[in-house]
Amino acid sequence: FLASPVPLDNSDVLDLYEGKPVTRPSAYSIE
């Protein structure tokens, strides 16, 4: 899966397409 950046909905995807900052996780873990 796409781990960084992380778009969670359409507004995040649109921000990504427009070159705006999108959340980038610092780490992942499996619980």
PDB file of all heavy atoms in Angstrom:
ATOM      1  N   PHE A   1       0.843  -1.189   0.000  1.00  0.00           N
ATOM      2  CA  PHE A   1       0.000   0.000   0.000  1.00  0.00           C
ATOM      3  C   PHE A   1       0.882   1.243   0.000  1.00  0.00           C
ATOM      4  O   PHE A   1       2.077   1.182   0.338  1.00  0.00           O
ATOM      5  CB  PHE A   1      -0.925   0.015   1.230  1.00  0.00           C
ATOM      6  CG  PHE A   1      -0.210  -0.109   2.548  1.00  0.00           C
ATOM      7  CD1 PHE A   1       0.242   1.019   3.230  1.00  0.00           C
ATOM      8  CD2 PHE A   1       0.022  -1.354   3.122  1.00  0.00           C
ATOM      9  CE1 PHE A   1       0.903   0.911   4.439  1.00  0.00           C
ATOM     10  CE2 PHE A   1       0.696  -1.475   4.328  1.00  0.00           C
ATOM     11  CZ  PHE A   1       1.130  -0.335   4.992  1.00  0.00           C
ATOM     12  N   LEU A   2       0.286   2.350  -0.397  1.00  0.00           N
ATOM     13  CA  LEU A   2       0.966   3.636  -0.366  1.00  0.00           C
ATOM     14  C   LEU A   2       1.139   4.040   1.093  1.00  0.00           C
ATOM     15  O   LEU A   2       0.165   4.330   1.784  1.00  0.00           O
ATOM     16  CB  LEU A   2       0.151   4.678  -1.134  1.00  0.00           C
ATOM     17  CG  LEU A   2       0.751   6.088  -1.229  1.00  0.00           C
ATOM     18  CD1 LEU A   2       2.054   6.070  -2.018  1.00  0.00           C
ATOM     19  CD2 LEU A   2      -0.242   7.054  -1.860  1.00  0.00           C
ATOM     20  N   ALA A   3       2.399   4.057   1.573  1.00  0.00           N
ATOM     21  CA  ALA A   3       2.668   4.301   2.990  1.00  0.00           C
ATOM     22  C   ALA A   3       2.925   5.769   3.286  1.00  0.00           C
ATOM     23  O   ALA A   3       2.685   6.232   4.400  1.00  0.00           O
ATOM     24  CB  ALA A   3       3.859   3.462   3.438  1.00  0.00           C
ATOM     25  N   SER A   4       3.432   6.511   2.313  1.00  0.00           N
ATOM     26  CA  SER A   4       3.683   7.938   2.497  1.00  0.00           C
ATOM     27  C   SER A   4       3.738   8.594   1.123  1.00  0.00           C
ATOM     28  O   SER A   4       4.472   8.124   0.254  1.00  0.00           O
ATOM     29  CB  SER A   4       5.011   8.164   3.232  1.00  0.00           C
ATOM     30  OG  SER A   4       5.265   9.528   3.410  1.00  0.00           O
ATOM     31  N   PRO A   5       2.917   9.632   0.904  1.00  0.00           N
ATOM     32  CA  PRO A   5       1.938  10.241   1.799  1.00  0.00           C
ATOM     33  C   PRO A   5       0.721   9.330   1.992  1.00  0.00           C
ATOM     34  O   PRO A   5       0.592   8.323   1.320  1.00  0.00           O
ATOM     35  CB  PRO A   5       1.553  11.523   1.060  1.00  0.00           C
ATOM     36  CG  PRO A   5       1.717  11.168  -0.388  1.00  0.00           C
ATOM     37  CD  PRO A   5       2.916  10.253  -0.439  1.00  0.00           C
ATOM     38  N   VAL A   6      -0.195   9.752   2.910  1.00  0.00           N
ATOM     39  CA  VAL A   6      -1.370   8.941   3.223  1.00  0.00           C
ATOM     40  C   VAL A   6      -2.638   9.758   3.019  1.00  0.00           C
ATOM     41  O   VAL A   6      -3.085  10.454   3.925  1.00  0.00           O
ATOM     42  CB  VAL A   6      -1.313   8.409   4.668  1.00  0.00           C
ATOM     43  CG1 VAL A   6      -2.566   7.608   4.979  1.00  0.00           C
ATOM     44  CG2 VAL A   6      -0.097   7.536   4.870  1.00  0.00           C
ATOM     45  N   PRO A   7      -3.234   9.683   1.816  1.00  0.00           N
ATOM     46  CA  PRO A   7      -4.553  10.297   1.632  1.00  0.00           C
ATOM     47  C   PRO A   7      -5.637   9.373   2.154  1.00  0.00           C
ATOM     48  O   PRO A   7      -5.645   8.178   1.846  1.00  0.00           O
ATOM     49  CB  PRO A   7      -4.644  10.466   0.109  1.00  0.00           C
ATOM     50  CG  PRO A   7      -3.720   9.438  -0.448  1.00  0.00           C
ATOM     51  CD  PRO A   7      -2.686   9.129   0.577  1.00  0.00           C
ATOM     52  N   LEU A   8      -6.553   9.916   2.966  1.00  0.00           N
ATOM     53  CA  LEU A   8      -7.600   9.097   3.565  1.00  0.00           C
ATOM     54  C   LEU A   8      -8.973   9.336   2.958  1.00  0.00           C
ATOM     55  O   LEU A   8      -9.893   8.577   3.217  1.00  0.00           O
ATOM     56  CB  LEU A   8      -7.671   9.358   5.077  1.00  0.00           C
ATOM     57  CG  LEU A   8      -6.405   9.006   5.867  1.00  0.00           C
ATOM     58  CD1 LEU A   8      -6.614   9.323   7.338  1.00  0.00           C
ATOM     59  CD2 LEU A   8      -6.015   7.554   5.672  1.00  0.00           C
ATOM     60  N   ASP A   9      -9.130  10.411   2.177  1.00  0.00           N
ATOM     61  CA  ASP A   9     -10.413  10.687   1.530  1.00  0.00           C
ATOM     62  C   ASP A   9     -10.157  11.535   0.295  1.00  0.00           C
ATOM     63  O   ASP A   9      -9.004  11.840  -0.050  1.00  0.00           O
ATOM     64  CB  ASP A   9     -11.393  11.375   2.490  1.00  0.00           C
ATOM     65  CG  ASP A   9     -10.810  12.636   3.129  1.00  0.00           C
ATOM     66  OD1 ASP A   9      -9.939  13.275   2.508  1.00  0.00           O
ATOM     67  OD2 ASP A   9     -11.237  13.001   4.243  1.00  0.00           O
ATOM     68  N   ASN A  10     -11.233  11.937  -0.387  1.00  0.00           N
ATOM     69  CA  ASN A  10     -11.087  12.674  -1.643  1.00  0.00           C
ATOM     70  C   ASN A  10     -10.411  14.023  -1.458  1.00  0.00           C
ATOM     71  O   ASN A  10      -9.674  14.485  -2.326  1.00  0.00           O
ATOM     72  CB  ASN A  10     -12.459  12.867  -2.298  1.00  0.00           C
ATOM     73  CG  ASN A  10     -12.833  11.707  -3.206  1.00  0.00           C
ATOM     74  OD1 ASN A  10     -12.211  10.650  -3.155  1.00  0.00           O
ATOM     75  ND2 ASN A  10     -13.836  11.893  -4.037  1.00  0.00           N
ATOM     76  N   SER A  11     -10.657  14.689  -0.331  1.00  0.00           N
ATOM     77  CA  SER A  11     -10.021  15.989  -0.126  1.00  0.00           C
ATOM     78  C   SER A  11      -8.512  15.834  -0.005  1.00  0.00           C
ATOM     79  O   SER A  11      -7.747  16.657  -0.528  1.00  0.00           O
ATOM     80  CB  SER A  11     -10.601  16.676   1.117  1.00  0.00           C
ATOM     81  OG  SER A  11     -10.358  15.914   2.277  1.00  0.00           O
ATOM     82  N   ASP A  12      -8.048  14.744   0.657  1.00  0.00           N
ATOM     83  CA  ASP A  12      -6.606  14.488   0.732  1.00  0.00           C
ATOM     84  C   ASP A  12      -6.038  14.175  -0.646  1.00  0.00           C
ATOM     85  O   ASP A  12      -4.937  14.612  -0.998  1.00  0.00           O
ATOM     86  CB  ASP A  12      -6.326  13.315   1.672  1.00  0.00           C
ATOM     87  CG  ASP A  12      -6.550  13.661   3.133  1.00  0.00           C
ATOM     88  OD1 ASP A  12      -6.627  14.864   3.449  1.00  0.00           O
ATOM     89  OD2 ASP A  12      -6.666  12.734   3.947  1.00  0.00           O
ATOM     90  N   VAL A  13      -6.785  13.384  -1.430  1.00  0.00           N
ATOM     91  CA  VAL A  13      -6.319  13.041  -2.778  1.00  0.00           C
ATOM     92  C   VAL A  13      -6.207  14.296  -3.632  1.00  0.00           C
ATOM     93  O   VAL A  13      -5.231  14.478  -4.369  1.00  0.00           O
ATOM     94  CB  VAL A  13      -7.277  12.015  -3.430  1.00  0.00           C
ATOM     95  CG1 VAL A  13      -6.932  11.814  -4.903  1.00  0.00           C
ATOM     96  CG2 VAL A  13      -7.210  10.681  -2.690  1.00  0.00           C
ATOM     97  N   LEU A  14      -7.198  15.190  -3.527  1.00  0.00           N
ATOM     98  CA  LEU A  14      -7.147  16.432  -4.297  1.00  0.00           C
ATOM     99  C   LEU A  14      -5.969  17.285  -3.857  1.00  0.00           C
ATOM    100  O   LEU A  14      -5.281  17.885  -4.692  1.00  0.00           O
ATOM    101  CB  LEU A  14      -8.459  17.195  -4.133  1.00  0.00           C
ATOM    102  CG  LEU A  14      -8.636  18.429  -5.018  1.00  0.00           C
ATOM    103  CD1 LEU A  14      -8.520  18.057  -6.494  1.00  0.00           C
ATOM    104  CD2 LEU A  14      -9.964  19.100  -4.741  1.00  0.00           C
ATOM    105  N   ASP A  15      -5.695  17.345  -2.539  1.00  0.00           N
ATOM    106  CA  ASP A  15      -4.518  18.082  -2.061  1.00  0.00           C
ATOM    107  C   ASP A  15      -3.241  17.496  -2.655  1.00  0.00           C
ATOM    108  O   ASP A  15      -2.326  18.231  -3.044  1.00  0.00           O
ATOM    109  CB  ASP A  15      -4.445  18.016  -0.533  1.00  0.00           C
ATOM    110  CG  ASP A  15      -5.478  18.907   0.140  1.00  0.00           C
ATOM    111  OD1 ASP A  15      -6.037  19.789  -0.550  1.00  0.00           O
ATOM    112  OD2 ASP A  15      -5.737  18.708   1.344  1.00  0.00           O
ATOM    113  N   LEU A  16      -3.184  16.171  -2.733  1.00  0.00           N
ATOM    114  CA  LEU A  16      -2.011  15.511  -3.291  1.00  0.00           C
ATOM    115  C   LEU A  16      -1.858  15.851  -4.769  1.00  0.00           C
ATOM    116  O   LEU A  16      -0.748  16.137  -5.251  1.00  0.00           O
ATOM    117  CB  LEU A  16      -2.129  14.003  -3.090  1.00  0.00           C
ATOM    118  CG  LEU A  16      -0.939  13.142  -3.503  1.00  0.00           C
ATOM    119  CD1 LEU A  16       0.325  13.565  -2.777  1.00  0.00           C
ATOM    120  CD2 LEU A  16      -1.238  11.671  -3.221  1.00  0.00           C
ATOM    121  N   TYR A  17      -2.953  15.833  -5.520  1.00  0.00           N
ATOM    122  CA  TYR A  17      -2.903  16.204  -6.934  1.00  0.00           C
ATOM    123  C   TYR A  17      -2.486  17.669  -7.109  1.00  0.00           C
ATOM    124  O   TYR A  17      -1.832  18.022  -8.084  1.00  0.00           O
ATOM    125  CB  TYR A  17      -4.274  15.983  -7.581  1.00  0.00           C
ATOM    126  CG  TYR A  17      -4.502  14.587  -8.098  1.00  0.00           C
ATOM    127  CD1 TYR A  17      -5.582  13.823  -7.646  1.00  0.00           C
ATOM    128  CD2 TYR A  17      -3.667  14.031  -9.065  1.00  0.00           C
ATOM    129  CE1 TYR A  17      -5.808  12.548  -8.135  1.00  0.00           C
ATOM    130  CE2 TYR A  17      -3.889  12.758  -9.560  1.00  0.00           C
ATOM    131  CZ  TYR A  17      -4.954  12.018  -9.088  1.00  0.00           C
ATOM    132  OH  TYR A  17      -5.174  10.747  -9.577  1.00  0.00           O
ATOM    133  N   GLU A  18      -2.883  18.540  -6.167  1.00  0.00           N
ATOM    134  CA  GLU A  18      -2.580  19.960  -6.287  1.00  0.00           C
ATOM    135  C   GLU A  18      -1.223  20.326  -5.701  1.00  0.00           C
ATOM    136  O   GLU A  18      -0.829  21.497  -5.714  1.00  0.00           O
ATOM    137  CB  GLU A  18      -3.670  20.775  -5.591  1.00  0.00           C
ATOM    138  CG  GLU A  18      -5.026  20.678  -6.278  1.00  0.00           C
ATOM    139  CD  GLU A  18      -6.090  21.516  -5.599  1.00  0.00           C
ATOM    140  OE1 GLU A  18      -5.820  22.033  -4.497  1.00  0.00           O
ATOM    141  OE2 GLU A  18      -7.186  21.668  -6.169  1.00  0.00           O
ATOM    142  N   GLY A  19      -0.483  19.328  -5.157  1.00  0.00           N
ATOM    143  CA  GLY A  19       0.843  19.607  -4.616  1.00  0.00           C
ATOM    144  C   GLY A  19       0.822  20.202  -3.224  1.00  0.00           C
ATOM    145  O   GLY A  19       1.839  20.730  -2.753  1.00  0.00           O
ATOM    146  N   LYS A  20      -0.318  20.117  -2.533  1.00  0.00           N
ATOM    147  CA  LYS A  20      -0.396  20.632  -1.164  1.00  0.00           C
ATOM    148  C   LYS A  20       0.140  19.592  -0.181  1.00  0.00           C
ATOM    149  O   LYS A  20       0.208  18.404  -0.498  1.00  0.00           O
ATOM    150  CB  LYS A  20      -1.844  20.981  -0.822  1.00  0.00           C
ATOM    151  CG  LYS A  20      -2.435  22.095  -1.674  1.00  0.00           C
ATOM    152  CD  LYS A  20      -3.890  22.330  -1.306  1.00  0.00           C
ATOM    153  CE  LYS A  20      -4.513  23.415  -2.173  1.00  0.00           C
ATOM    154  NZ  LYS A  20      -5.955  23.617  -1.865  1.00  0.00           N
ATOM    155  N   PRO A  21       0.512  20.026   1.036  1.00  0.00           N
ATOM    156  CA  PRO A  21       1.020  19.068   2.031  1.00  0.00           C
ATOM    157  C   PRO A  21      -0.041  18.033   2.396  1.00  0.00           C
ATOM    158  O   PRO A  21      -1.202  18.363   2.593  1.00  0.00           O
ATOM    159  CB  PRO A  21       1.365  19.953   3.240  1.00  0.00           C
ATOM    160  CG  PRO A  21       1.508  21.324   2.693  1.00  0.00           C
ATOM    161  CD  PRO A  21       0.577  21.419   1.517  1.00  0.00           C
ATOM    162  N   VAL A  22       0.374  16.791   2.448  1.00  0.00           N
ATOM    163  CA  VAL A  22      -0.485  15.681   2.851  1.00  0.00           C
ATOM    164  C   VAL A  22       0.229  14.919   3.963  1.00  0.00           C
ATOM    165  O   VAL A  22       1.462  14.867   3.987  1.00  0.00           O
ATOM    166  CB  VAL A  22      -0.798  14.752   1.655  1.00  0.00           C
ATOM    167  CG1 VAL A  22      -1.668  13.582   2.090  1.00  0.00           C
ATOM    168  CG2 VAL A  22      -1.491  15.518   0.542  1.00  0.00           C
ATOM    169  N   THR A  23      -0.537  14.344   4.866  1.00  0.00           N
ATOM    170  CA  THR A  23       0.046  13.662   6.022  1.00  0.00           C
ATOM    171  C   THR A  23       1.067  12.608   5.597  1.00  0.00           C
ATOM    172  O   THR A  23       0.806  11.786   4.719  1.00  0.00           O
ATOM    173  CB  THR A  23      -1.065  12.984   6.844  1.00  0.00           C
ATOM    174  OG1 THR A  23      -1.988  13.976   7.273  1.00  0.00           O
ATOM    175  CG2 THR A  23      -0.486  12.276   8.061  1.00  0.00           C
ATOM    176  N   ARG A  24       2.226  12.646   6.274  1.00  0.00           N
ATOM    177  CA  ARG A  24       3.270  11.640   6.059  1.00  0.00           C
ATOM    178  C   ARG A  24       3.593  11.006   7.405  1.00  0.00           C
ATOM    179  O   ARG A  24       4.181  11.650   8.280  1.00  0.00           O
ATOM    180  CB  ARG A  24       4.518  12.263   5.442  1.00  0.00           C
ATOM    181  CG  ARG A  24       4.303  12.709   4.002  1.00  0.00           C
ATOM    182  CD  ARG A  24       5.585  13.204   3.363  1.00  0.00           C
ATOM    183  NE  ARG A  24       5.352  13.618   1.979  1.00  0.00           N
ATOM    184  CZ  ARG A  24       5.426  12.815   0.923  1.00  0.00           C
ATOM    185  NH1 ARG A  24       5.730  11.529   1.114  1.00  0.00           N
ATOM    186  NH2 ARG A  24       5.197  13.252  -0.294  1.00  0.00           N
ATOM    187  N   PRO A  25       3.179   9.744   7.613  1.00  0.00           N
ATOM    188  CA  PRO A  25       3.430   9.086   8.906  1.00  0.00           C
ATOM    189  C   PRO A  25       4.919   8.941   9.170  1.00  0.00           C
ATOM    190  O   PRO A  25       5.737   8.830   8.249  1.00  0.00           O
ATOM    191  CB  PRO A  25       2.768   7.721   8.745  1.00  0.00           C
ATOM    192  CG  PRO A  25       1.786   7.895   7.628  1.00  0.00           C
ATOM    193  CD  PRO A  25       2.394   8.902   6.712  1.00  0.00           C
ATOM    194  N   SER A  26       5.252   8.942  10.447  1.00  0.00           N
ATOM    195  CA  SER A  26       6.654   8.749  10.838  1.00  0.00           C
ATOM    196  C   SER A  26       6.966   7.271  11.069  1.00  0.00           C
ATOM    197  O   SER A  26       8.140   6.885  11.101  1.00  0.00           O
ATOM    198  CB  SER A  26       6.956   9.534  12.112  1.00  0.00           C
ATOM    199  OG  SER A  26       6.094   9.135  13.165  1.00  0.00           O
ATOM    200  N   ALA A  27       5.924   6.441  11.234  1.00  0.00           N
ATOM    201  CA  ALA A  27       6.153   5.006  11.466  1.00  0.00           C
ATOM    202  C   ALA A  27       4.843   4.248  11.313  1.00  0.00           C
ATOM    203  O   ALA A  27       3.754   4.835  11.365  1.00  0.00           O
ATOM    204  CB  ALA A  27       6.733   4.777  12.857  1.00  0.00           C
ATOM    205  N   TYR A  28       4.988   2.940  11.116  1.00  0.00           N
ATOM    206  CA  TYR A  28       3.840   2.021  11.109  1.00  0.00           C
ATOM    207  C   TYR A  28       4.147   0.874  12.065  1.00  0.00           C
ATOM    208  O   TYR A  28       5.315   0.531  12.315  1.00  0.00           O
ATOM    209  CB  TYR A  28       3.598   1.442   9.713  1.00  0.00           C
ATOM    210  CG  TYR A  28       2.931   2.384   8.737  1.00  0.00           C
ATOM    211  CD1 TYR A  28       3.696   3.162   7.875  1.00  0.00           C
ATOM    212  CD2 TYR A  28       1.552   2.485   8.669  1.00  0.00           C
ATOM    213  CE1 TYR A  28       3.098   4.031   6.969  1.00  0.00           C
ATOM    214  CE2 TYR A  28       0.934   3.338   7.778  1.00  0.00           C
ATOM    215  CZ  TYR A  28       1.711   4.107   6.931  1.00  0.00           C
ATOM    216  OH  TYR A  28       1.107   4.969   6.048  1.00  0.00           O
ATOM    217  N   SER A  29       3.091   0.267  12.581  1.00  0.00           N
ATOM    218  CA  SER A  29       3.251  -0.948  13.378  1.00  0.00           C
ATOM    219  C   SER A  29       2.054  -1.856  13.146  1.00  0.00           C
ATOM    220  O   SER A  29       0.978  -1.399  12.744  1.00  0.00           O
ATOM    221  CB  SER A  29       3.389  -0.608  14.866  1.00  0.00           C
ATOM    222  OG  SER A  29       2.204   0.017  15.353  1.00  0.00           O
ATOM    223  N   ILE A  30       2.256  -3.138  13.401  1.00  0.00           N
ATOM    224  CA  ILE A  30       1.197  -4.141  13.302  1.00  0.00           C
ATOM    225  C   ILE A  30       0.818  -4.559  14.710  1.00  0.00           C
ATOM    226  O   ILE A  30       1.679  -4.962  15.505  1.00  0.00           O
ATOM    227  CB  ILE A  30       1.662  -5.364  12.492  1.00  0.00           C
ATOM    228  CG1 ILE A  30       2.057  -4.956  11.068  1.00  0.00           C
ATOM    229  CG2 ILE A  30       0.577  -6.423  12.473  1.00  0.00           C
ATOM    230  CD1 ILE A  30       0.925  -4.397  10.244  1.00  0.00           C
ATOM    231  N   GLU A  31      -0.490  -4.440  15.008  1.00  0.00           N
ATOM    232  CA  GLU A  31      -0.972  -4.781  16.342  1.00  0.00           C
ATOM    233  C   GLU A  31      -1.949  -5.950  16.251  1.00  0.00           C
ATOM    234  O   GLU A  31      -2.829  -5.966  15.390  1.00  0.00           O
ATOM    235  CB  GLU A  31      -1.652  -3.571  16.995  1.00  0.00           C
ATOM    236  CG  GLU A  31      -0.719  -2.372  17.139  1.00  0.00           C
ATOM    237  CD  GLU A  31      -1.422  -1.158  17.708  1.00  0.00           C
ATOM    238  OE1 GLU A  31      -2.657  -1.219  17.896  1.00  0.00           O
ATOM    239  OE2 GLU A  31      -0.749  -0.136  17.961  1.00  0.00           O
TER     240      GLU A  31
END
